[in-house]
Amino acid sequence: MHLLVKFTGVKEPNIKYLALECLSKAQPFHLLACPNVLKDNLNILLSCLKEPDISIRKSAIDSLFTLATSETSSEIINEFLDHL
């Protein structure tokens, strides 16, 4: 999980897209193994919302929705509202 999040920070859009797609498919048992993966790397995933490629932005939204917790939800919602 931590490596996938790190791959979302690379410049290559194809690698970024694939990492985000894998993160959006995360299951609850994946999140139990890495409970702070989103909290520790929230800025990296939120920066994907500002990408020019629409498929990367969509995958970032899916990943953020899947990985969101009660601790990070307010910051994610505020970022979504800023994009409106």
N, C-alpha and C. Protein backbone atom coordinates (compact mmCIF):
# COMPACT_ATOMS: atom_id res chain seq x y z
N MET A 1 0.83 -1.19 0.00
CA MET A 1 0.00 0.00 0.00
C MET A 1 0.88 1.26 0.00
N HIS A 2 1.93 1.24 0.81
CA HIS A 2 2.78 2.42 0.88
C HIS A 2 3.50 2.66 -0.46
N LEU A 3 3.92 1.59 -1.12
CA LEU A 3 4.57 1.76 -2.42
C LEU A 3 3.61 2.29 -3.47
N LEU A 4 2.37 1.83 -3.43
CA LEU A 4 1.39 2.34 -4.39
C LEU A 4 1.18 3.84 -4.21
N VAL A 5 1.11 4.28 -2.96
CA VAL A 5 0.94 5.71 -2.71
C VAL A 5 2.15 6.48 -3.19
N LYS A 6 3.33 5.92 -3.00
CA LYS A 6 4.54 6.60 -3.48
C LYS A 6 4.55 6.71 -5.00
N PHE A 7 4.02 5.69 -5.69
CA PHE A 7 3.96 5.74 -7.15
C PHE A 7 2.99 6.80 -7.65
N THR A 8 2.05 7.25 -6.83
CA THR A 8 1.15 8.31 -7.27
C THR A 8 1.85 9.66 -7.32
N GLY A 9 3.02 9.76 -6.74
CA GLY A 9 3.77 11.01 -6.75
C GLY A 9 4.76 11.14 -7.89
N VAL A 10 4.85 10.15 -8.76
CA VAL A 10 5.81 10.23 -9.87
C VAL A 10 5.25 11.10 -11.00
N LYS A 11 6.12 11.52 -11.89
CA LYS A 11 5.69 12.40 -12.99
C LYS A 11 5.03 11.64 -14.13
N GLU A 12 5.38 10.37 -14.32
CA GLU A 12 4.84 9.57 -15.42
C GLU A 12 3.35 9.33 -15.20
N PRO A 13 2.47 9.83 -16.08
CA PRO A 13 1.03 9.72 -15.86
C PRO A 13 0.50 8.27 -15.89
N ASN A 14 1.12 7.41 -16.71
CA ASN A 14 0.64 6.03 -16.77
C ASN A 14 0.88 5.29 -15.46
N ILE A 15 2.05 5.50 -14.87
CA ILE A 15 2.35 4.85 -13.59
C ILE A 15 1.45 5.41 -12.50
N LYS A 16 1.25 6.71 -12.53
CA LYS A 16 0.38 7.36 -11.54
C LYS A 16 -1.05 6.81 -11.65
N TYR A 17 -1.54 6.68 -12.87
CA TYR A 17 -2.89 6.16 -13.08
C TYR A 17 -3.02 4.73 -12.59
N LEU A 18 -2.06 3.88 -12.90
CA LEU A 18 -2.11 2.49 -12.46
C LEU A 18 -2.06 2.37 -10.94
N ALA A 19 -1.24 3.18 -10.30
CA ALA A 19 -1.17 3.15 -8.84
C ALA A 19 -2.49 3.59 -8.21
N LEU A 20 -3.09 4.62 -8.77
CA LEU A 20 -4.38 5.09 -8.25
C LEU A 20 -5.48 4.06 -8.46
N GLU A 21 -5.47 3.40 -9.61
CA GLU A 21 -6.46 2.36 -9.86
C GLU A 21 -6.32 1.21 -8.87
N CYS A 22 -5.10 0.81 -8.60
CA CYS A 22 -4.87 -0.26 -7.61
C CYS A 22 -5.32 0.17 -6.23
N LEU A 23 -5.06 1.41 -5.87
CA LEU A 23 -5.50 1.91 -4.56
C LEU A 23 -7.01 1.96 -4.45
N SER A 24 -7.68 2.27 -5.55
CA SER A 24 -9.14 2.35 -5.50
C SER A 24 -9.78 0.98 -5.35
N LYS A 25 -9.03 -0.07 -5.63
CA LYS A 25 -9.53 -1.44 -5.48
C LYS A 25 -9.20 -2.03 -4.11
N ALA A 26 -8.66 -1.22 -3.21
CA ALA A 26 -8.26 -1.71 -1.89
C ALA A 26 -9.45 -2.28 -1.13
N GLN A 27 -9.20 -3.34 -0.45
CA GLN A 27 -10.22 -4.02 0.35
C GLN A 27 -10.01 -3.68 1.82
N PRO A 28 -11.01 -3.90 2.65
CA PRO A 28 -10.85 -3.57 4.08
C PRO A 28 -9.66 -4.25 4.75
N PHE A 29 -9.32 -5.48 4.34
CA PHE A 29 -8.18 -6.13 4.98
C PHE A 29 -6.86 -5.49 4.57
N HIS A 30 -6.81 -4.85 3.40
CA HIS A 30 -5.62 -4.09 3.02
C HIS A 30 -5.46 -2.88 3.93
N LEU A 31 -6.58 -2.25 4.23
CA LEU A 31 -6.53 -1.05 5.07
C LEU A 31 -6.19 -1.37 6.51
N LEU A 32 -6.55 -2.56 6.97
CA LEU A 32 -6.18 -2.97 8.32
C LEU A 32 -4.68 -3.15 8.45
N ALA A 33 -4.04 -3.60 7.38
CA ALA A 33 -2.60 -3.79 7.40
C ALA A 33 -1.85 -2.45 7.41
N CYS A 34 -2.43 -1.44 6.81
CA CYS A 34 -1.80 -0.11 6.72
C CYS A 34 -2.83 0.95 7.08
N PRO A 35 -3.18 1.09 8.35
CA PRO A 35 -4.27 2.01 8.70
C PRO A 35 -3.97 3.49 8.45
N ASN A 36 -2.71 3.88 8.44
CA ASN A 36 -2.36 5.30 8.30
C ASN A 36 -1.85 5.66 6.91
N VAL A 37 -2.11 4.80 5.93
CA VAL A 37 -1.56 5.04 4.60
C VAL A 37 -2.10 6.34 4.01
N LEU A 38 -3.35 6.63 4.20
CA LEU A 38 -3.91 7.87 3.65
C LEU A 38 -3.50 9.07 4.50
N LYS A 39 -3.56 8.92 5.79
CA LYS A 39 -3.24 10.02 6.69
C LYS A 39 -1.80 10.50 6.48
N ASP A 40 -0.88 9.57 6.28
CA ASP A 40 0.52 9.92 6.11
C ASP A 40 0.82 10.51 4.74
N ASN A 41 0.01 10.18 3.74
CA ASN A 41 0.29 10.58 2.35
C ASN A 41 -0.86 11.34 1.72
N LEU A 42 -1.65 12.01 2.51
CA LEU A 42 -2.83 12.69 2.00
C LEU A 42 -2.49 13.77 0.98
N ASN A 43 -1.42 14.50 1.21
CA ASN A 43 -1.06 15.58 0.28
C ASN A 43 -0.71 15.05 -1.10
N ILE A 44 -0.09 13.88 -1.16
CA ILE A 44 0.26 13.29 -2.46
C ILE A 44 -1.01 12.96 -3.24
N LEU A 45 -1.98 12.33 -2.55
CA LEU A 45 -3.22 11.95 -3.23
C LEU A 45 -4.07 13.17 -3.58
N LEU A 46 -4.07 14.17 -2.73
CA LEU A 46 -4.84 15.38 -3.04
C LEU A 46 -4.22 16.14 -4.21
N SER A 47 -2.91 16.04 -4.37
CA SER A 47 -2.28 16.72 -5.51
C SER A 47 -2.69 16.07 -6.83
N CYS A 48 -3.09 14.81 -6.79
CA CYS A 48 -3.54 14.14 -8.02
C CYS A 48 -4.87 14.72 -8.51
N LEU A 49 -5.60 15.39 -7.64
CA LEU A 49 -6.86 16.03 -8.06
C LEU A 49 -6.61 17.24 -8.97
N LYS A 50 -5.38 17.72 -8.99
CA LYS A 50 -5.05 18.90 -9.79
C LYS A 50 -4.36 18.55 -11.10
N GLU A 51 -4.29 17.26 -11.40
CA GLU A 51 -3.66 16.82 -12.65
C GLU A 51 -4.51 17.22 -13.85
N PRO A 52 -3.88 17.50 -14.98
CA PRO A 52 -4.66 17.85 -16.19
C PRO A 52 -5.39 16.65 -16.80
N ASP A 53 -4.90 15.44 -16.54
CA ASP A 53 -5.51 14.23 -17.10
C ASP A 53 -6.76 13.86 -16.30
N ILE A 54 -7.90 13.81 -16.97
CA ILE A 54 -9.18 13.53 -16.30
C ILE A 54 -9.21 12.13 -15.70
N SER A 55 -8.57 11.17 -16.33
CA SER A 55 -8.59 9.81 -15.81
C SER A 55 -7.81 9.71 -14.51
N ILE A 56 -6.75 10.48 -14.36
CA ILE A 56 -6.00 10.51 -13.10
C ILE A 56 -6.83 11.16 -12.02
N ARG A 57 -7.52 12.25 -12.35
CA ARG A 57 -8.38 12.90 -11.35
C ARG A 57 -9.51 11.98 -10.90
N LYS A 58 -10.12 11.25 -11.84
CA LYS A 58 -11.19 10.32 -11.48
C LYS A 58 -10.67 9.20 -10.59
N SER A 59 -9.52 8.66 -10.93
CA SER A 59 -8.93 7.60 -10.12
C SER A 59 -8.54 8.11 -8.73
N ALA A 60 -8.10 9.36 -8.66
CA ALA A 60 -7.76 9.94 -7.37
C ALA A 60 -9.00 10.07 -6.49
N ILE A 61 -10.11 10.47 -7.09
CA ILE A 61 -11.37 10.56 -6.33
C ILE A 61 -11.79 9.19 -5.83
N ASP A 62 -11.71 8.19 -6.68
CA ASP A 62 -12.06 6.83 -6.27
C ASP A 62 -11.16 6.34 -5.13
N SER A 63 -9.87 6.61 -5.25
CA SER A 63 -8.93 6.17 -4.21
C SER A 63 -9.18 6.89 -2.90
N LEU A 64 -9.41 8.19 -2.97
CA LEU A 64 -9.68 8.94 -1.75
C LEU A 64 -10.97 8.47 -1.08
N PHE A 65 -11.96 8.16 -1.87
CA PHE A 65 -13.22 7.65 -1.32
C PHE A 65 -13.01 6.31 -0.63
N THR A 66 -12.22 5.44 -1.25
CA THR A 66 -11.97 4.12 -0.69
C THR A 66 -11.15 4.19 0.59
N LEU A 67 -10.15 5.05 0.62
CA LEU A 67 -9.21 5.10 1.74
C LEU A 67 -9.61 6.08 2.84
N ALA A 68 -10.66 6.84 2.65
CA ALA A 68 -11.02 7.88 3.62
C ALA A 68 -11.40 7.29 4.97
N THR A 69 -11.01 8.02 6.00
CA THR A 69 -11.37 7.66 7.37
C THR A 69 -12.03 8.87 8.01
N SER A 70 -12.51 8.71 9.22
CA SER A 70 -13.15 9.83 9.91
C SER A 70 -12.15 10.94 10.20
N GLU A 71 -10.87 10.61 10.31
CA GLU A 71 -9.84 11.62 10.58
C GLU A 71 -9.52 12.47 9.35
N THR A 72 -9.61 11.86 8.17
CA THR A 72 -9.21 12.56 6.95
C THR A 72 -10.38 13.06 6.11
N SER A 73 -11.58 12.69 6.47
CA SER A 73 -12.72 13.02 5.63
C SER A 73 -12.97 14.52 5.52
N SER A 74 -12.78 15.27 6.58
CA SER A 74 -13.05 16.71 6.51
C SER A 74 -12.07 17.40 5.56
N GLU A 75 -10.82 17.02 5.59
CA GLU A 75 -9.85 17.63 4.69
C GLU A 75 -10.11 17.25 3.23
N ILE A 76 -10.54 16.01 3.00
CA ILE A 76 -10.86 15.56 1.65
C ILE A 76 -12.07 16.31 1.12
N ILE A 77 -13.09 16.45 1.94
CA ILE A 77 -14.31 17.16 1.52
C ILE A 77 -13.99 18.63 1.23
N ASN A 78 -13.17 19.26 2.05
CA ASN A 78 -12.79 20.65 1.79
C ASN A 78 -12.05 20.79 0.47
N GLU A 79 -11.20 19.82 0.15
CA GLU A 79 -10.49 19.85 -1.12
C GLU A 79 -11.45 19.67 -2.29
N PHE A 80 -12.43 18.77 -2.13
CA PHE A 80 -13.44 18.59 -3.17
C PHE A 80 -14.23 19.88 -3.39
N LEU A 81 -14.60 20.55 -2.32
CA LEU A 81 -15.35 21.79 -2.44
C LEU A 81 -14.52 22.89 -3.09
N ASP A 82 -13.23 22.90 -2.86
CA ASP A 82 -12.36 23.88 -3.51
C ASP A 82 -12.32 23.69 -5.02
N HIS A 83 -12.49 22.46 -5.47
CA HIS A 83 -12.46 22.18 -6.90
C HIS A 83 -13.78 22.50 -7.59
N LEU A 84 -14.83 22.71 -6.83
CA LEU A 84 -16.09 23.08 -7.45
C LEU A 84 -16.03 24.53 -7.78
